Amino acid sequence: MPDTLAPHLRRAFDYEARCTPLTVADLRAARRKVEQIAVASLAAPLERAIEVFCHIQGARRLWLSRVSDLTTFPPDGVFPVWPVEKAERDALELDALWAQFARSFTDDALVRPVEYTSTEGAAFASTLADIAAHVVNHSSYHRGQIAMLVAHAGTKPAVTDYIALTRAKR
């Protein structure tokens, strides 16, 4: 049987990696805006946006540590608070690691259950396909929050919709 799910998930992780520089650019633009106009009320949404971006990286590392030996449990947990520059470095590293891992995807491997323990200590099993889909969807969900927060900080966020970054121009 030819692989059908694996290429789709590899494409989803490519999309994820394409969002990283756009999101970082949004965070930096919001920071410049907050510094430029020096309105304290705009700083809170920016700080929250940075925290959400950091959380994305913590969660991505956690899930990768559950399904591969490419990384370990995130040392700062799944809710780290870092400067944008550290979060960007972590995001770029994780983009590369997930892409490397995704190259090994086959439909057979994707449907096998992966046993893991939640951060609350409960035992679960999910297919690798469901975990991979969750990682991308979780990031997308939080990028939407980041977009709203940087808009509240006074900047226009980049478009990071899946279809916008994957469609072909005619």
C-alpha atoms as a PDB file:
ATOM      1  CA  MET A   1       0.000   0.000   0.000  1.00  0.00           C
ATOM      2  CA  PRO A   2       1.472   3.417  -0.905  1.00  0.00           C
ATOM      3  CA  ASP A   3       1.977   5.933   1.890  1.00  0.00           C
ATOM      4  CA  THR A   4      -0.812   8.492   1.927  1.00  0.00           C
ATOM      5  CA  LEU A   5      -0.890   9.906   5.437  1.00  0.00           C
ATOM      6  CA  ALA A   6       2.882  10.246   5.822  1.00  0.00           C
ATOM      7  CA  PRO A   7       3.369  12.817   3.012  1.00  0.00           C
ATOM      8  CA  HIS A   8       0.487  14.890   4.343  1.00  0.00           C
ATOM      9  CA  LEU A   9       1.975  14.994   7.834  1.00  0.00           C
ATOM     10  CA  ARG A  10       5.432  15.814   6.478  1.00  0.00           C
ATOM     11  CA  ARG A  11       3.815  18.723   4.615  1.00  0.00           C
ATOM     12  CA  ALA A  12       2.130  19.808   7.835  1.00  0.00           C
ATOM     13  CA  PHE A  13       5.486  19.963   9.613  1.00  0.00           C
ATOM     14  CA  ASP A  14       6.923  21.924   6.685  1.00  0.00           C
ATOM     15  CA  TYR A  15       4.029  24.364   7.143  1.00  0.00           C
ATOM     16  CA  GLU A  16       4.811  24.522  10.859  1.00  0.00           C
ATOM     17  CA  ALA A  17       8.435  25.454  10.094  1.00  0.00           C
ATOM     18  CA  ARG A  18       7.320  28.129   7.640  1.00  0.00           C
ATOM     19  CA  CYS A  19       5.283  29.754  10.413  1.00  0.00           C
ATOM     20  CA  THR A  20       8.215  30.149  12.790  1.00  0.00           C
ATOM     21  CA  PRO A  21       9.917  33.134  11.112  1.00  0.00           C
ATOM     22  CA  LEU A  22       6.555  34.809  10.504  1.00  0.00           C
ATOM     23  CA  THR A  23       5.569  34.490  14.150  1.00  0.00           C
ATOM     24  CA  VAL A  24       8.956  35.672  15.383  1.00  0.00           C
ATOM     25  CA  ALA A  25       8.736  38.662  13.039  1.00  0.00           C
ATOM     26  CA  ASP A  26       5.310  39.473  14.515  1.00  0.00           C
ATOM     27  CA  LEU A  27       6.685  39.339  18.049  1.00  0.00           C
ATOM     28  CA  ARG A  28       9.619  41.568  17.147  1.00  0.00           C
ATOM     29  CA  ALA A  29       7.393  44.049  15.314  1.00  0.00           C
ATOM     30  CA  ALA A  30       5.096  44.222  18.325  1.00  0.00           C
ATOM     31  CA  ARG A  31       8.077  44.769  20.614  1.00  0.00           C
ATOM     32  CA  ARG A  32       9.314  47.649  18.394  1.00  0.00           C
ATOM     33  CA  LYS A  33       5.819  49.160  18.419  1.00  0.00           C
ATOM     34  CA  VAL A  34       5.542  48.934  22.209  1.00  0.00           C
ATOM     35  CA  GLU A  35       9.000  50.476  22.638  1.00  0.00           C
ATOM     36  CA  GLN A  36       8.290  53.178  20.041  1.00  0.00           C
ATOM     37  CA  ILE A  37       5.050  54.476  21.486  1.00  0.00           C
ATOM     38  CA  ALA A  38       5.876  53.593  25.124  1.00  0.00           C
ATOM     39  CA  VAL A  39       2.322  52.756  26.160  1.00  0.00           C
ATOM     40  CA  ALA A  40       2.472  50.365  29.087  1.00  0.00           C
ATOM     41  CA  SER A  41      -0.934  48.826  28.361  1.00  0.00           C
ATOM     42  CA  LEU A  42       0.428  47.435  25.077  1.00  0.00           C
ATOM     43  CA  ALA A  43       3.265  45.614  26.846  1.00  0.00           C
ATOM     44  CA  ALA A  44       0.974  43.077  28.560  1.00  0.00           C
ATOM     45  CA  PRO A  45      -0.407  41.541  25.344  1.00  0.00           C
ATOM     46  CA  LEU A  46       3.118  41.373  23.912  1.00  0.00           C
ATOM     47  CA  GLU A  47       4.480  39.620  27.001  1.00  0.00           C
ATOM     48  CA  ARG A  48       1.590  37.150  26.894  1.00  0.00           C
ATOM     49  CA  ALA A  49       2.223  36.517  23.175  1.00  0.00           C
ATOM     50  CA  ILE A  50       5.862  35.713  23.929  1.00  0.00           C
ATOM     51  CA  GLU A  51       4.787  33.359  26.738  1.00  0.00           C
ATOM     52  CA  VAL A  52       2.416  31.551  24.353  1.00  0.00           C
ATOM     53  CA  PHE A  53       5.179  31.200  21.755  1.00  0.00           C
ATOM     54  CA  CYS A  54       7.454  29.745  24.427  1.00  0.00           C
ATOM     55  CA  HIS A  55       4.700  27.310  25.429  1.00  0.00           C
ATOM     56  CA  ILE A  56       4.428  26.105  21.834  1.00  0.00           C
ATOM     57  CA  GLN A  57       8.114  25.185  21.939  1.00  0.00           C
ATOM     58  CA  GLY A  58       7.844  23.459  25.314  1.00  0.00           C
ATOM     59  CA  ALA A  59       4.927  21.366  24.090  1.00  0.00           C
ATOM     60  CA  ARG A  60       6.612  20.519  20.792  1.00  0.00           C
ATOM     61  CA  ARG A  61       9.709  19.339  22.658  1.00  0.00           C
ATOM     62  CA  LEU A  62       7.605  17.332  25.122  1.00  0.00           C
ATOM     63  CA  TRP A  63       5.791  15.484  22.338  1.00  0.00           C
ATOM     64  CA  LEU A  64       8.970  14.862  20.366  1.00  0.00           C
ATOM     65  CA  SER A  65      10.580  13.401  23.491  1.00  0.00           C
ATOM     66  CA  ARG A  66       7.603  11.041  23.814  1.00  0.00           C
ATOM     67  CA  VAL A  67       7.823   9.703  20.265  1.00  0.00           C
ATOM     68  CA  SER A  68      11.551   9.772  19.486  1.00  0.00           C
ATOM     69  CA  ASP A  69      15.014   9.853  20.959  1.00  0.00           C
ATOM     70  CA  LEU A  70      15.848  13.147  19.207  1.00  0.00           C
ATOM     71  CA  THR A  71      15.299  15.190  22.364  1.00  0.00           C
ATOM     72  CA  THR A  72      14.459  14.866  26.035  1.00  0.00           C
ATOM     73  CA  PHE A  73      11.714  16.233  28.259  1.00  0.00           C
ATOM     74  CA  PRO A  74      11.884  20.040  28.114  1.00  0.00           C
ATOM     75  CA  PRO A  75      14.168  21.184  30.953  1.00  0.00           C
ATOM     76  CA  ASP A  76      12.004  24.266  31.579  1.00  0.00           C
ATOM     77  CA  GLY A  77       8.710  22.346  31.326  1.00  0.00           C
ATOM     78  CA  VAL A  78       5.889  23.073  28.918  1.00  0.00           C
ATOM     79  CA  PHE A  79       5.325  26.646  30.104  1.00  0.00           C
ATOM     80  CA  PRO A  80       8.807  28.177  29.898  1.00  0.00           C
ATOM     81  CA  VAL A  81       9.274  31.924  29.962  1.00  0.00           C
ATOM     82  CA  TRP A  82      12.157  32.975  27.746  1.00  0.00           C
ATOM     83  CA  PRO A  83      13.208  36.005  25.744  1.00  0.00           C
ATOM     84  CA  VAL A  84      12.035  35.948  22.130  1.00  0.00           C
ATOM     85  CA  GLU A  85      15.569  35.184  20.962  1.00  0.00           C
ATOM     86  CA  LYS A  86      15.773  31.970  23.026  1.00  0.00           C
ATOM     87  CA  ALA A  87      12.293  30.910  21.937  1.00  0.00           C
ATOM     88  CA  GLU A  88      13.265  31.492  18.306  1.00  0.00           C
ATOM     89  CA  ARG A  89      16.407  29.344  18.649  1.00  0.00           C
ATOM     90  CA  ASP A  90      14.365  26.599  20.267  1.00  0.00           C
ATOM     91  CA  ALA A  91      11.665  26.852  17.583  1.00  0.00           C
ATOM     92  CA  LEU A  92      14.192  26.591  14.756  1.00  0.00           C
ATOM     93  CA  GLU A  93      15.856  23.602  16.414  1.00  0.00           C
ATOM     94  CA  LEU A  94      12.478  21.908  16.862  1.00  0.00           C
ATOM     95  CA  ASP A  95      11.471  22.674  13.271  1.00  0.00           C
ATOM     96  CA  ALA A  96      14.582  20.804  12.119  1.00  0.00           C
ATOM     97  CA  LEU A  97      14.100  17.917  14.565  1.00  0.00           C
ATOM     98  CA  TRP A  98      10.432  17.424  13.688  1.00  0.00           C
ATOM     99  CA  ALA A  99      11.273  17.552   9.965  1.00  0.00           C
ATOM    100  CA  GLN A 100      13.976  14.936  10.532  1.00  0.00           C
ATOM    101  CA  PHE A 101      11.566  12.749  12.461  1.00  0.00           C
ATOM    102  CA  ALA A 102       8.772  13.253   9.902  1.00  0.00           C
ATOM    103  CA  ARG A 103      11.035  11.930   7.148  1.00  0.00           C
ATOM    104  CA  SER A 104      10.828   8.540   8.893  1.00  0.00           C
ATOM    105  CA  PHE A 105       7.011   8.475   8.812  1.00  0.00           C
ATOM    106  CA  THR A 106       5.339   5.568   7.053  1.00  0.00           C
ATOM    107  CA  ASP A 107       1.643   4.841   7.161  1.00  0.00           C
ATOM    108  CA  ASP A 108       2.345   1.627   9.080  1.00  0.00           C
ATOM    109  CA  ALA A 109       4.346   3.460  11.738  1.00  0.00           C
ATOM    110  CA  LEU A 110       1.783   6.264  11.952  1.00  0.00           C
ATOM    111  CA  VAL A 111      -1.091   3.947  12.889  1.00  0.00           C
ATOM    112  CA  ARG A 112       0.761   2.141  15.671  1.00  0.00           C
ATOM    113  CA  PRO A 113      -0.052   3.281  19.204  1.00  0.00           C
ATOM    114  CA  VAL A 114       2.515   5.194  21.223  1.00  0.00           C
ATOM    115  CA  GLU A 115       2.283   4.763  24.983  1.00  0.00           C
ATOM    116  CA  TYR A 116       3.156   7.775  27.108  1.00  0.00           C
ATOM    117  CA  THR A 117       2.501   9.399  30.448  1.00  0.00           C
ATOM    118  CA  SER A 118       0.789  12.785  30.633  1.00  0.00           C
ATOM    119  CA  THR A 119       2.307  15.636  32.578  1.00  0.00           C
ATOM    120  CA  GLU A 120      -0.263  14.808  35.276  1.00  0.00           C
ATOM    121  CA  GLY A 121       1.063  11.231  35.499  1.00  0.00           C
ATOM    122  CA  ALA A 122      -1.781   9.418  33.681  1.00  0.00           C
ATOM    123  CA  ALA A 123      -0.952   6.655  31.188  1.00  0.00           C
ATOM    124  CA  PHE A 124      -2.295   7.007  27.646  1.00  0.00           C
ATOM    125  CA  ALA A 125      -1.791   5.611  24.162  1.00  0.00           C
ATOM    126  CA  SER A 126      -2.320   7.504  20.894  1.00  0.00           C
ATOM    127  CA  THR A 127      -1.298   6.759  17.348  1.00  0.00           C
ATOM    128  CA  LEU A 128       1.737   8.578  16.050  1.00  0.00           C
ATOM    129  CA  ALA A 129      -0.526  10.121  13.392  1.00  0.00           C
ATOM    130  CA  ASP A 130      -2.804  11.570  16.067  1.00  0.00           C
ATOM    131  CA  ILE A 131       0.156  12.893  18.023  1.00  0.00           C
ATOM    132  CA  ALA A 132       1.690  14.479  14.915  1.00  0.00           C
ATOM    133  CA  ALA A 133      -1.654  16.065  13.984  1.00  0.00           C
ATOM    134  CA  HIS A 134      -2.048  17.312  17.548  1.00  0.00           C
ATOM    135  CA  VAL A 135       1.389  18.945  17.562  1.00  0.00           C
ATOM    136  CA  VAL A 136       0.635  20.913  14.394  1.00  0.00           C
ATOM    137  CA  ASN A 137      -2.919  21.781  15.465  1.00  0.00           C
ATOM    138  CA  HIS A 138      -1.784  22.820  18.946  1.00  0.00           C
ATOM    139  CA  SER A 139       0.772  25.177  17.436  1.00  0.00           C
ATOM    140  CA  SER A 140      -1.793  26.596  14.999  1.00  0.00           C
ATOM    141  CA  TYR A 141      -4.268  27.193  17.808  1.00  0.00           C
ATOM    142  CA  HIS A 142      -1.701  29.105  19.813  1.00  0.00           C
ATOM    143  CA  ARG A 143      -0.408  31.036  16.784  1.00  0.00           C
ATOM    144  CA  GLY A 144      -3.974  32.331  16.460  1.00  0.00           C
ATOM    145  CA  GLN A 145      -3.755  33.563  20.033  1.00  0.00           C
ATOM    146  CA  ILE A 146      -0.387  35.162  19.294  1.00  0.00           C
ATOM    147  CA  ALA A 147      -1.862  36.920  16.247  1.00  0.00           C
ATOM    148  CA  MET A 148      -4.660  38.364  18.379  1.00  0.00           C
ATOM    149  CA  LEU A 149      -2.221  39.438  21.094  1.00  0.00           C
ATOM    150  CA  VAL A 150       0.228  41.162  18.741  1.00  0.00           C
ATOM    151  CA  ALA A 151      -2.741  42.940  17.155  1.00  0.00           C
ATOM    152  CA  HIS A 152      -3.694  44.151  20.650  1.00  0.00           C
ATOM    153  CA  ALA A 153      -0.102  45.344  20.987  1.00  0.00           C
ATOM    154  CA  GLY A 154      -0.629  47.543  17.929  1.00  0.00           C
ATOM    155  CA  THR A 155       0.770  45.568  14.986  1.00  0.00           C
ATOM    156  CA  LYS A 156      -0.773  43.664  12.114  1.00  0.00           C
ATOM    157  CA  PRO A 157       0.064  39.943  12.374  1.00  0.00           C
ATOM    158  CA  ALA A 158       1.294  37.890   9.440  1.00  0.00           C
ATOM    159  CA  VAL A 159      -1.002  35.363   7.839  1.00  0.00           C
ATOM    160  CA  THR A 160      -0.084  31.886   9.067  1.00  0.00           C
ATOM    161  CA  ASP A 161      -3.130  29.987   7.833  1.00  0.00           C
ATOM    162  CA  TYR A 162      -2.267  26.546   6.487  1.00  0.00           C
ATOM    163  CA  ILE A 163      -3.941  27.110   3.139  1.00  0.00           C
ATOM    164  CA  ALA A 164      -2.241  30.483   2.658  1.00  0.00           C
ATOM    165  CA  LEU A 165       1.205  28.953   3.132  1.00  0.00           C
ATOM    166  CA  THR A 166       0.609  25.801   1.091  1.00  0.00           C
ATOM    167  CA  ARG A 167      -1.531  26.806  -1.866  1.00  0.00           C
ATOM    168  CA  ALA A 168      -0.083  27.138  -5.332  1.00  0.00           C
ATOM    169  CA  LYS A 169      -0.517  30.357  -7.295  1.00  0.00           C
ATOM    170  CA  ARG A 170      -2.130  30.008 -10.700  1.00  0.00           C
END
